[in-house]
Amino acid sequence: MKTLIKILSIFILSFIMISCNEDLVEQAQTGSLKGKVVKRGTNEPIPNVKIFTTPSTQTVFSGADGSFEIADMPIGNYSVKAELSGYLTTFQGINLQNQNQIVSVVFEMDDDESLNSPPTTPLLLSPTDNSVNQPLTVELTWSSTDPDADDVLKYNVTIKNNLDTNIIQINDLGVNHYTLPNLKFGVSYFWQVSVSDGIHPPVLSALGKFTTNTVPANRYHYVRKQNGNLYIISSDQAGNNFQFTDLSYNSWRPRKNNNAGLIAFMRTEGGNTHIYTANPDGSYPFKVTTVPTAGFNNYEMDFAWKTNGNEIIYSNFDKLYKINKDGSGLQLIYTTPDGSMISECDWSYDSSKIVLKTNNFNGYNTKIFIIDMMGNVLKTVLAGVNGATGGLNVSVDGHFLLYTHDISGYEDASGNYRQLDSHIFMYDLTNNTIHDISLESEKALGTNDLDPRFSPNNAQVLFMNTSSDNISQRNVMTIDLNSSLTDLTRAVLFNNAEMPDYE
């Protein structure tokens, strides 16, 4: 009996030991968790993210490449948590089922916008609010900061005005300044800046206001060329100027009329040349002519205002027309009897006489003569000469007529209408005497004097001087007149300029 009890005890003890050993084997089954933490949308690795589990195992931190690993995790179900200040905490569930199983996860973390502060309200710096006499190109500047150094700020600028409904909108600026060009004279502009960090709603500045200069009473206008197009400059005597016509158009031959309060000029439109008018600031260009101006060379043609500013005369081949400044009342007032082309005209100050220059299809065989308003020829000033002529302008008192003549007699058969030695002549309409005011002692050799205009007080003559090579720079100059018409000094008034007008 004792032996049987002893054997049973040994069996029971062995069974218990075997059962305990099986529990230990079961508890030893483990697996691993591997993963990576990245920023949502960019997949940029995020380092130093705290990774821990529930039930608790190990706590680890992601490396520089965003990766992490928790080894020797007992098999089972876990909630894995990724946590870093500035980001929304993220959870993922995993299930380790088998010995040595490796589970891979990727945590995509979002910025915690609740921890991000919006930018400060933009402060408008310049122009200062309610400032006046601002130039036509203004540098807008403002300031704004963001408490979160990593935020990228973007600015939108909105500009309105009190002249029209035009709105200028500039978006997504990465800097706190903007150059605002091509403003108009005497206009109030209202501007506002919004700033966004890409997280919060845009923050708006206060509304700012500034007003540009009033239209200067510039008496000088001239022409320059850029990218093949002619454009008009308005200037005072000191050289303070602004661009009068748009560079996208070909505009030339400015003629100001103070009574009309307008500047007329020639402009290419659809292959034709028309006469336009505009306000002294260049605004509201208006096409006056319906029948275009036309002749042997549109750039050598000229037109004239009536002194009262109500009408304009101009030519189309062999015909001279009169038209009201509003485009109405077109009237044919003269036709050349021999079919020659009218290239230039000027109206006397008392509006009783018109001076004409005619020529053939090459610009030569010229004739300068005076007609009355009935078309009767009153006087022939120049005829039967070789070489180019032009530049008609009658003095205010009606006593003198300016014109130019290439005294070399050269006639360019190539069609370039090149002149070699053009002089300015002043014709006395009373006694029919002629004075060459392009004195050889003053005029540089190899140059041409062209497009002369009397100053409003007849004390000066404005003109353009350039090399006879036909490609060099053109400059507007003055000749000071005196009673003896000798020792006439000249000076440069505007560089890189042609076709001057002075009213």
Protein backbone atom coordinates (compact mmCIF):
# COMPACT_ATOMS: atom_id res chain seq x y z
CA MET A 1 0.00 0.00 0.00
CA LYS A 2 2.78 2.34 0.92
CA THR A 3 4.43 1.57 -2.38
CA LEU A 4 1.22 2.37 -4.33
CA ILE A 5 0.80 5.71 -2.54
CA LYS A 6 4.38 6.58 -3.30
CA ILE A 7 3.91 5.81 -7.01
CA LEU A 8 0.72 7.94 -7.20
CA SER A 9 2.47 10.85 -5.52
CA ILE A 10 5.29 10.73 -8.04
CA PHE A 11 2.78 10.66 -10.94
CA ILE A 12 0.76 13.62 -9.63
CA LEU A 13 3.95 15.66 -9.05
CA SER A 14 5.17 14.91 -12.56
CA PHE A 15 1.83 15.98 -14.07
CA ILE A 16 1.90 19.23 -12.15
CA MET A 17 5.45 19.95 -13.32
CA ILE A 18 4.58 19.21 -16.94
CA SER A 19 1.55 21.54 -16.77
CA CYS A 20 3.61 24.37 -15.31
CA ASN A 21 6.26 23.92 -18.00
CA GLU A 22 3.58 24.27 -20.74
CA ASP A 23 2.41 27.60 -19.20
CA LEU A 24 5.99 28.91 -19.25
CA VAL A 25 6.39 27.98 -22.91
CA GLU A 26 3.13 29.74 -23.76
CA GLN A 27 4.20 32.95 -21.99
CA ALA A 28 7.51 33.09 -23.85
CA GLN A 29 5.87 33.63 -27.33
CA THR A 30 6.72 37.17 -28.57
CA GLY A 31 6.77 39.29 -31.71
CA SER A 32 7.99 42.72 -32.89
CA LEU A 33 6.49 46.00 -34.01
CA LYS A 34 8.34 48.08 -36.61
CA GLY A 35 7.19 51.35 -38.09
CA LYS A 36 7.81 54.86 -39.34
CA VAL A 37 6.34 58.26 -38.49
CA VAL A 38 5.83 60.78 -41.31
CA LYS A 39 4.03 64.10 -41.81
CA ARG A 40 0.72 63.71 -43.60
CA GLY A 41 0.74 65.07 -47.12
CA THR A 42 4.53 65.41 -47.48
CA ASN A 43 5.75 62.06 -46.08
CA GLU A 44 8.52 63.97 -44.35
CA PRO A 45 10.02 61.82 -41.52
CA ILE A 46 9.28 63.06 -38.02
CA PRO A 47 11.93 62.30 -35.37
CA ASN A 48 11.58 62.12 -31.57
CA VAL A 49 7.98 60.89 -31.67
CA LYS A 50 7.08 58.96 -28.48
CA ILE A 51 5.73 55.47 -29.29
CA PHE A 52 4.10 53.36 -26.55
CA THR A 53 1.44 50.66 -26.27
CA THR A 54 -1.61 49.66 -24.32
CA PRO A 55 -1.23 47.16 -22.68
CA SER A 56 2.10 48.56 -21.74
CA THR A 57 5.31 47.13 -23.22
CA GLN A 58 8.22 49.43 -24.06
CA THR A 59 8.33 53.17 -24.77
CA VAL A 60 10.56 54.14 -27.71
CA PHE A 61 11.23 57.27 -29.78
CA SER A 62 11.43 57.57 -33.57
CA GLY A 63 14.84 58.17 -35.06
CA ALA A 64 16.03 60.87 -37.46
CA ASP A 65 14.46 58.97 -40.35
CA GLY A 66 11.19 58.60 -38.45
CA SER A 67 11.62 54.84 -37.88
CA PHE A 68 11.11 52.93 -34.61
CA GLU A 69 10.96 49.34 -33.28
CA ILE A 70 9.48 47.63 -30.20
CA ALA A 71 10.92 44.14 -29.83
CA ASP A 72 9.89 41.18 -27.69
CA MET A 73 6.25 42.07 -27.42
CA PRO A 74 4.15 39.21 -26.06
CA ILE A 75 1.59 38.08 -28.60
CA GLY A 76 -1.79 39.71 -28.24
CA ASN A 77 -3.82 42.81 -29.22
CA TYR A 78 -2.38 46.29 -28.65
CA SER A 79 -3.24 49.92 -29.16
CA VAL A 80 -0.12 51.76 -30.29
CA LYS A 81 0.11 55.51 -29.68
CA ALA A 82 2.34 58.12 -31.43
CA GLU A 83 2.72 61.39 -29.56
CA LEU A 84 4.73 64.60 -30.19
CA SER A 85 4.11 68.18 -29.13
CA GLY A 86 2.76 70.23 -32.05
CA TYR A 87 1.12 67.24 -33.72
CA LEU A 88 -2.18 65.48 -33.20
CA THR A 89 -1.71 62.22 -31.23
CA THR A 90 -2.31 59.19 -33.45
CA PHE A 91 -3.46 55.64 -32.56
CA GLN A 92 -3.26 52.36 -34.41
CA GLY A 93 -4.40 48.86 -33.38
CA ILE A 94 -2.19 45.80 -34.02
CA ASN A 95 -2.55 42.05 -33.43
CA LEU A 96 0.44 39.84 -32.71
CA GLN A 97 -0.66 36.25 -33.25
CA ASN A 98 2.45 34.16 -33.79
CA GLN A 99 5.87 33.66 -32.31
CA ASN A 100 8.46 35.99 -33.91
CA GLN A 101 5.79 37.76 -35.98
CA ILE A 102 6.78 41.26 -37.22
CA VAL A 103 4.00 43.80 -37.66
CA SER A 104 4.75 46.99 -39.68
CA VAL A 105 2.86 50.26 -39.32
CA VAL A 106 3.14 53.82 -40.66
CA PHE A 107 1.93 56.75 -38.58
CA GLU A 108 0.85 59.81 -40.61
CA MET A 109 0.71 62.74 -38.22
CA ASP A 110 -1.07 66.06 -38.71
CA ASP A 111 -0.03 69.40 -37.32
CA ASP A 112 -1.97 70.29 -34.23
CA GLU A 113 -3.50 73.53 -35.46
CA SER A 114 -4.85 74.23 -32.01
CA LEU A 115 -1.28 74.90 -30.95
CA ASN A 116 -0.57 77.25 -33.92
CA SER A 117 -1.11 81.01 -33.66
CA PRO A 118 -2.34 83.17 -36.56
CA PRO A 119 -0.19 85.95 -38.08
CA THR A 120 -0.45 89.47 -36.71
CA THR A 121 -2.67 91.99 -38.47
CA PRO A 122 -0.69 93.57 -41.34
CA LEU A 123 0.40 97.14 -40.64
CA LEU A 124 0.43 99.36 -43.75
CA LEU A 125 3.70 101.32 -43.73
CA SER A 126 3.96 103.26 -46.99
CA PRO A 127 2.49 105.26 -48.47
CA THR A 128 1.21 106.54 -45.16
CA ASP A 129 -2.55 106.72 -44.83
CA ASN A 130 -4.17 109.73 -46.55
CA SER A 131 -0.85 110.82 -48.10
CA VAL A 132 -1.09 113.02 -51.20
CA ASN A 133 1.10 114.03 -54.16
CA GLN A 134 2.28 110.48 -54.67
CA PRO A 135 4.11 109.59 -57.92
CA LEU A 136 2.59 107.42 -60.63
CA THR A 137 4.71 104.48 -59.48
CA VAL A 138 4.32 103.72 -55.77
CA GLU A 139 6.11 101.21 -53.58
CA LEU A 140 3.59 99.60 -51.22
CA THR A 141 5.14 98.24 -48.01
CA TRP A 142 3.64 96.61 -44.91
CA SER A 143 4.65 94.44 -41.97
CA SER A 144 3.27 91.30 -40.33
CA THR A 145 4.79 88.62 -38.12
CA ASP A 146 3.90 85.07 -37.07
CA PRO A 147 4.58 83.59 -33.60
CA ASP A 148 5.26 80.24 -35.23
CA ALA A 149 8.65 80.59 -36.87
CA ASP A 150 8.10 77.69 -39.26
CA ASP A 151 4.96 79.14 -40.82
CA VAL A 152 5.28 80.49 -44.38
CA LEU A 153 3.33 83.71 -44.82
CA LYS A 154 1.62 84.66 -48.09
CA TYR A 155 0.15 88.09 -48.82
CA ASN A 156 -2.69 89.24 -51.06
CA VAL A 157 -2.99 92.93 -52.00
CA THR A 158 -6.20 94.55 -53.27
CA ILE A 159 -6.22 98.05 -54.81
CA LYS A 160 -9.29 100.06 -55.82
CA ASN A 161 -9.69 103.71 -56.87
CA ASN A 162 -12.24 106.52 -56.96
CA LEU A 163 -12.06 106.90 -60.75
CA ASP A 164 -13.51 103.66 -62.07
CA THR A 165 -14.47 100.13 -61.04
CA ASN A 166 -11.08 98.65 -61.93
CA ILE A 167 -9.67 96.41 -59.18
CA ILE A 168 -6.03 95.37 -59.05
CA GLN A 169 -5.46 92.05 -57.28
CA ILE A 170 -2.01 90.67 -56.50
CA ASN A 171 -1.96 87.23 -54.87
CA ASP A 172 0.51 84.90 -53.16
CA LEU A 173 3.27 87.41 -52.52
CA GLY A 174 6.07 85.99 -50.43
CA VAL A 175 7.47 89.42 -49.56
CA ASN A 176 6.01 92.41 -47.72
CA HIS A 177 6.28 94.96 -50.52
CA TYR A 178 4.98 95.51 -54.03
CA THR A 179 5.71 98.13 -56.73
CA LEU A 180 2.46 99.51 -58.14
CA PRO A 181 3.10 101.13 -61.56
CA ASN A 182 1.07 103.03 -64.17
CA LEU A 183 -1.16 104.97 -61.79
CA LYS A 184 -3.23 107.93 -62.95
CA PHE A 185 -2.88 111.57 -61.99
CA GLY A 186 -5.14 113.03 -59.32
CA VAL A 187 -6.72 109.70 -58.35
CA SER A 188 -7.26 108.35 -54.83
CA TYR A 189 -6.27 104.72 -54.35
CA PHE A 190 -7.49 102.45 -51.58
CA TRP A 191 -5.44 99.39 -50.64
CA GLN A 192 -5.67 96.49 -48.25
CA VAL A 193 -3.37 93.57 -47.43
CA SER A 194 -4.37 90.11 -46.20
CA VAL A 195 -1.89 87.61 -44.75
CA SER A 196 -2.26 83.84 -44.38
CA ASP A 197 -0.09 81.15 -42.80
CA GLY A 198 -1.95 78.40 -44.66
CA ILE A 199 -3.57 77.23 -41.41
CA HIS A 200 -5.81 80.01 -40.15
CA PRO A 201 -8.24 82.22 -42.06
CA PRO A 202 -6.54 85.23 -43.73
CA VAL A 203 -5.99 88.26 -41.50
CA LEU A 204 -6.97 91.61 -43.06
CA SER A 205 -5.20 94.93 -42.57
CA ALA A 206 -6.97 98.23 -42.16
CA LEU A 207 -7.89 100.07 -45.38
CA GLY A 208 -5.22 102.53 -46.56
CA LYS A 209 -5.60 105.51 -48.87
CA PHE A 210 -3.22 107.66 -50.91
CA THR A 211 -3.69 110.17 -53.73
CA THR A 212 -1.42 110.74 -56.70
CA ASN A 213 -0.12 114.03 -58.04
CA THR A 214 -2.45 116.26 -60.00
CA VAL A 215 -1.83 116.44 -63.74
CA PRO A 216 1.23 118.64 -64.33
CA ALA A 217 0.77 121.48 -66.77
CA ASN A 218 3.55 120.22 -69.03
CA ARG A 219 4.18 122.38 -72.08
CA TYR A 220 6.58 120.04 -73.84
CA HIS A 221 5.79 116.83 -75.66
CA TYR A 222 8.11 114.69 -77.74
CA VAL A 223 8.52 111.19 -79.11
CA ARG A 224 10.77 108.26 -78.25
CA LYS A 225 11.10 104.76 -79.68
CA GLN A 226 11.16 101.43 -77.84
CA ASN A 227 10.95 97.92 -79.29
CA GLY A 228 10.07 99.36 -82.69
CA ASN A 229 7.13 101.44 -81.43
CA LEU A 230 7.01 105.21 -81.08
CA TYR A 231 5.52 106.62 -77.90
CA ILE A 232 4.95 110.13 -76.54
CA ILE A 233 6.51 111.73 -73.47
CA SER A 234 5.02 114.70 -71.60
CA SER A 235 7.61 116.88 -69.86
CA ASP A 236 8.36 120.19 -68.23
CA GLN A 237 11.48 122.20 -69.04
CA ALA A 238 13.40 120.67 -66.13
CA GLY A 239 12.95 117.20 -67.58
CA ASN A 240 10.31 115.97 -65.13
CA ASN A 241 8.25 113.76 -67.39
CA PHE A 242 5.84 110.88 -67.70
CA GLN A 243 4.88 108.49 -70.45
CA PHE A 244 1.85 109.93 -72.21
CA THR A 245 0.94 107.03 -74.54
CA ASP A 246 0.96 103.28 -74.06
CA LEU A 247 3.95 101.30 -75.33
CA SER A 248 1.63 98.75 -76.92
CA TYR A 249 0.59 101.35 -79.54
CA ASN A 250 2.59 103.18 -82.17
CA SER A 251 1.93 106.88 -81.43
CA TRP A 252 3.73 109.99 -82.66
CA ARG A 253 3.52 113.67 -83.71
CA PRO A 254 2.00 115.21 -80.53
CA ARG A 255 0.19 118.53 -80.92
CA LYS A 256 -1.22 120.23 -77.81
CA ASN A 257 -4.06 122.75 -77.89
CA ASN A 258 -4.57 124.68 -74.66
CA ASN A 259 -8.05 125.88 -75.62
CA ALA A 260 -9.23 122.33 -76.22
CA GLY A 261 -7.39 121.05 -73.18
CA LEU A 262 -6.28 118.09 -75.29
CA ILE A 263 -3.20 116.66 -76.95
CA ALA A 264 -3.74 115.31 -80.46
CA PHE A 265 -1.40 112.75 -82.00
CA MET A 266 -1.15 110.19 -84.76
CA ARG A 267 -1.54 106.47 -84.08
CA THR A 268 -1.44 103.28 -86.12
CA GLU A 269 -4.68 101.32 -86.04
CA GLY A 270 -5.34 98.23 -88.13
CA GLY A 271 -2.79 99.18 -90.78
CA ASN A 272 -4.07 102.76 -91.09
CA THR A 273 -2.99 105.97 -89.39
CA HIS A 274 -5.58 108.02 -87.51
CA ILE A 275 -5.58 111.15 -85.42
CA TYR A 276 -6.39 110.68 -81.75
CA THR A 277 -6.85 113.06 -78.85
CA ALA A 278 -6.31 112.46 -75.14
CA ASN A 279 -6.42 114.38 -71.88
CA PRO A 280 -3.15 115.93 -70.65
CA ASP A 281 -2.55 112.90 -68.44
CA GLY A 282 -2.96 110.53 -71.40
CA SER A 283 -6.37 109.29 -70.29
CA TYR A 284 -9.41 108.73 -72.50
CA PRO A 285 -7.76 108.42 -75.93
CA PHE A 286 -10.34 109.17 -78.61
CA LYS A 287 -10.12 108.45 -82.33
CA VAL A 288 -11.12 111.61 -84.18
CA THR A 289 -10.74 110.63 -87.82
CA THR A 290 -12.85 108.26 -89.87
CA VAL A 291 -10.96 108.84 -93.12
CA PRO A 292 -7.35 108.03 -92.16
CA THR A 293 -4.33 110.20 -92.75
CA ALA A 294 -2.27 108.86 -95.66
CA GLY A 295 0.64 109.88 -97.84
CA PHE A 296 4.04 108.85 -99.08
CA ASN A 297 5.36 108.32 -95.50
CA ASN A 298 3.07 108.47 -92.47
CA TYR A 299 5.94 109.41 -90.13
CA GLU A 300 6.73 112.49 -92.25
CA MET A 301 3.15 113.76 -92.19
CA ASP A 302 1.70 116.42 -89.93
CA PHE A 303 -1.69 117.94 -89.05
CA ALA A 304 -2.79 121.14 -87.28
CA TRP A 305 -5.29 122.42 -84.72
CA LYS A 306 -7.48 125.45 -85.23
CA THR A 307 -6.52 127.97 -82.53
CA ASN A 308 -9.88 127.72 -80.74
CA GLY A 309 -9.39 123.96 -80.34
CA ASN A 310 -12.60 122.99 -82.09
CA GLU A 311 -11.26 121.63 -85.39
CA ILE A 312 -8.30 119.80 -86.91
CA ILE A 313 -7.01 119.82 -90.49
CA TYR A 314 -5.16 116.83 -91.98
CA SER A 315 -4.48 115.22 -95.34
CA ASN A 316 -5.19 112.01 -97.18
CA PHE A 317 -3.01 111.79 -100.29
CA ASP A 318 -4.04 114.76 -102.49
CA LYS A 319 -6.93 115.90 -100.26
CA LEU A 320 -7.05 118.21 -97.25
CA TYR A 321 -9.83 117.61 -94.72
CA LYS A 322 -11.26 119.52 -91.79
CA ILE A 323 -12.93 117.66 -88.91
CA ASN A 324 -14.35 118.59 -85.51
CA LYS A 325 -12.46 117.38 -82.46
CA ASP A 326 -15.37 115.06 -81.59
CA GLY A 327 -15.08 113.32 -84.96
CA SER A 328 -18.10 115.00 -86.54
CA GLY A 329 -18.32 117.39 -89.46
CA LEU A 330 -15.75 115.88 -91.82
CA GLN A 331 -15.31 118.31 -94.72
CA LEU A 332 -13.08 118.30 -97.80
CA ILE A 333 -11.55 121.77 -98.08
CA TYR A 334 -8.83 121.40 -100.73
CA THR A 335 -7.61 119.02 -103.43
CA THR A 336 -4.31 119.47 -105.26
CA PRO A 337 -4.92 120.23 -108.94
CA ASP A 338 -1.95 118.17 -110.15
CA GLY A 339 -2.54 115.08 -107.98
CA SER A 340 0.51 115.72 -105.79
CA MET A 341 0.26 114.52 -102.20
CA ILE A 342 -0.24 116.83 -99.23
CA SER A 343 2.17 115.74 -96.50
CA GLU A 344 2.12 118.63 -94.04
CA CYS A 345 -0.11 121.52 -93.07
CA ASP A 346 -0.25 124.30 -90.52
CA TRP A 347 -3.06 126.71 -89.62
CA SER A 348 -2.32 130.36 -88.99
CA TYR A 349 -3.12 131.70 -85.53
CA ASP A 350 -6.03 133.78 -86.86
CA SER A 351 -7.32 130.66 -88.71
CA SER A 352 -7.56 132.54 -91.99
CA LYS A 353 -4.72 130.82 -93.85
CA ILE A 354 -3.28 127.33 -94.22
CA VAL A 355 0.27 126.47 -95.22
CA LEU A 356 0.69 123.25 -97.22
CA LYS A 357 3.60 121.13 -98.37
CA THR A 358 3.09 118.82 -101.32
CA ASN A 359 5.37 116.24 -102.89
CA ASN A 360 5.42 113.25 -105.24
CA PHE A 361 5.18 109.59 -104.24
CA ASN A 362 8.87 109.55 -103.28
CA GLY A 363 8.61 112.64 -101.08
CA TYR A 364 10.40 114.97 -103.51
CA ASN A 365 9.46 117.60 -106.11
CA THR A 366 8.15 119.54 -103.12
CA LYS A 367 6.19 122.74 -102.99
CA ILE A 368 5.33 124.93 -100.00
CA PHE A 369 2.46 127.38 -100.48
CA ILE A 370 -0.31 129.22 -98.64
CA ILE A 371 -4.04 129.00 -99.32
CA ASP A 372 -7.06 130.76 -97.86
CA MET A 373 -10.07 128.95 -96.46
CA MET A 374 -11.68 128.94 -99.90
CA GLY A 375 -8.74 127.01 -101.34
CA ASN A 376 -7.26 129.94 -103.25
CA VAL A 377 -3.45 129.94 -103.47
CA LEU A 378 -2.21 133.17 -101.90
CA LYS A 379 1.55 132.70 -102.02
CA THR A 380 4.17 130.16 -103.05
CA VAL A 381 7.01 130.01 -100.54
CA LEU A 382 9.20 127.32 -102.09
CA ALA A 383 9.11 125.33 -105.32
CA GLY A 384 11.40 123.82 -107.92
CA VAL A 385 14.14 122.68 -105.51
CA ASN A 386 15.84 119.33 -105.17
CA GLY A 387 15.91 117.51 -101.85
CA ALA A 388 13.46 116.99 -99.02
CA THR A 389 11.54 119.80 -97.33
CA GLY A 390 9.07 119.98 -94.45
CA GLY A 391 8.61 121.06 -90.86
CA LEU A 392 5.94 123.74 -91.40
CA ASN A 393 5.11 126.09 -88.51
CA VAL A 394 3.65 129.59 -88.58
CA SER A 395 4.57 132.03 -85.77
CA VAL A 396 1.85 133.25 -83.43
CA ASP A 397 1.96 136.76 -84.88
CA GLY A 398 1.66 135.36 -88.41
CA HIS A 399 4.82 137.11 -89.61
CA PHE A 400 7.11 134.12 -90.04
CA LEU A 401 7.04 130.58 -91.36
CA LEU A 402 9.50 127.86 -90.39
CA TYR A 403 10.41 125.07 -92.78
CA THR A 404 13.33 122.74 -93.42
CA HIS A 405 15.22 121.97 -96.62
CA ASP A 406 18.01 119.49 -97.31
CA ILE A 407 20.38 121.92 -99.03
CA SER A 408 22.48 119.03 -100.35
CA GLY A 409 19.69 118.40 -102.85
CA TYR A 410 20.03 114.66 -102.20
CA GLU A 411 17.08 112.51 -103.24
CA ASP A 412 17.22 108.95 -101.91
CA ALA A 413 16.23 106.43 -104.57
CA SER A 414 16.20 103.56 -102.03
CA GLY A 415 12.97 104.73 -100.43
CA ASN A 416 14.55 105.45 -97.02
CA TYR A 417 13.96 109.20 -97.42
CA ARG A 418 17.43 109.91 -96.06
CA GLN A 419 18.54 113.53 -95.75
CA LEU A 420 22.16 114.68 -95.67
CA ASP A 421 22.20 118.35 -94.66
CA SER A 422 18.79 119.65 -93.64
CA HIS A 423 18.68 123.29 -92.46
CA ILE A 424 15.93 125.31 -90.77
CA PHE A 425 14.74 128.37 -92.69
CA MET A 426 12.63 131.23 -91.39
CA TYR A 427 10.54 132.88 -94.11
CA ASP A 428 9.38 136.44 -93.52
CA LEU A 429 5.80 136.46 -94.83
CA THR A 430 5.76 140.24 -94.96
CA ASN A 431 8.79 141.00 -97.12
CA ASN A 432 9.38 137.49 -98.53
CA THR A 433 12.94 137.23 -97.19
CA ILE A 434 14.46 133.94 -96.08
CA HIS A 435 16.90 133.38 -93.21
CA ASP A 436 18.89 130.19 -92.67
CA ILE A 437 18.96 129.82 -88.87
CA SER A 438 20.93 126.55 -88.93
CA LEU A 439 24.21 128.46 -88.83
CA GLU A 440 27.15 126.38 -89.97
CA SER A 441 29.12 127.71 -87.01
CA GLU A 442 26.60 126.06 -84.67
CA LYS A 443 25.24 123.07 -86.58
CA ALA A 444 27.52 120.01 -86.45
CA LEU A 445 28.73 118.67 -89.77
CA GLY A 446 26.90 115.62 -91.01
CA THR A 447 23.70 116.35 -89.10
CA ASN A 448 20.14 117.32 -89.95
CA ASP A 449 17.91 119.93 -88.29
CA LEU A 450 14.29 118.78 -88.58
CA ASP A 451 10.74 119.32 -87.21
CA PRO A 452 11.12 122.99 -86.09
CA ARG A 453 8.50 124.69 -83.89
CA PHE A 454 8.30 128.25 -82.63
CA SER A 455 8.11 128.69 -78.87
CA PRO A 456 4.86 130.34 -77.74
CA ASN A 457 6.62 133.73 -77.44
CA ASN A 458 8.60 133.36 -80.70
CA ALA A 459 11.86 133.76 -78.76
CA GLN A 460 13.07 130.24 -79.50
CA VAL A 461 12.84 127.54 -82.10
CA LEU A 462 12.60 123.92 -80.94
CA PHE A 463 13.79 121.27 -83.35
CA MET A 464 15.25 117.80 -83.64
CA ASN A 465 18.89 117.29 -84.55
CA THR A 466 20.37 113.96 -85.58
CA SER A 467 23.14 112.46 -87.66
CA SER A 468 22.54 112.13 -91.38
CA ASP A 469 23.29 108.40 -91.06
CA ASN A 470 19.57 108.05 -90.27
CA ILE A 471 20.20 105.64 -87.35
CA SER A 472 21.94 107.65 -84.61
CA GLN A 473 20.31 109.11 -81.51
CA ARG A 474 17.93 112.01 -81.97
CA ASN A 475 17.90 114.98 -79.62
CA VAL A 476 15.52 117.91 -79.20
CA MET A 477 17.37 121.22 -79.18
CA THR A 478 16.62 124.93 -79.03
CA ILE A 479 17.87 127.93 -80.96
CA ASP A 480 17.61 131.29 -79.22
CA LEU A 481 16.49 133.90 -81.73
CA ASN A 482 17.60 137.52 -81.81
CA SER A 483 16.70 140.55 -83.88
CA SER A 484 19.67 140.23 -86.21
CA LEU A 485 19.33 136.45 -86.61
CA THR A 486 23.09 136.11 -86.23
CA ASP A 487 25.12 134.31 -83.62
CA LEU A 488 22.17 132.02 -82.91
CA THR A 489 23.21 129.73 -80.07
CA ARG A 490 21.74 126.25 -79.69
CA ALA A 491 21.45 123.89 -76.75
CA VAL A 492 20.17 120.36 -76.10
CA LEU A 493 16.81 120.35 -74.33
CA PHE A 494 15.91 116.62 -74.34
CA ASN A 495 18.10 113.65 -75.19
CA ASN A 496 16.79 110.68 -77.16
CA ALA A 497 13.80 112.68 -78.37
CA GLU A 498 12.17 113.76 -81.63
CA MET A 499 9.05 115.41 -83.07
CA PRO A 500 8.92 118.16 -80.38
CA ASP A 501 5.87 120.25 -79.50
CA TYR A 502 5.84 123.31 -77.21
CA GLU A 503 2.62 125.09 -76.26
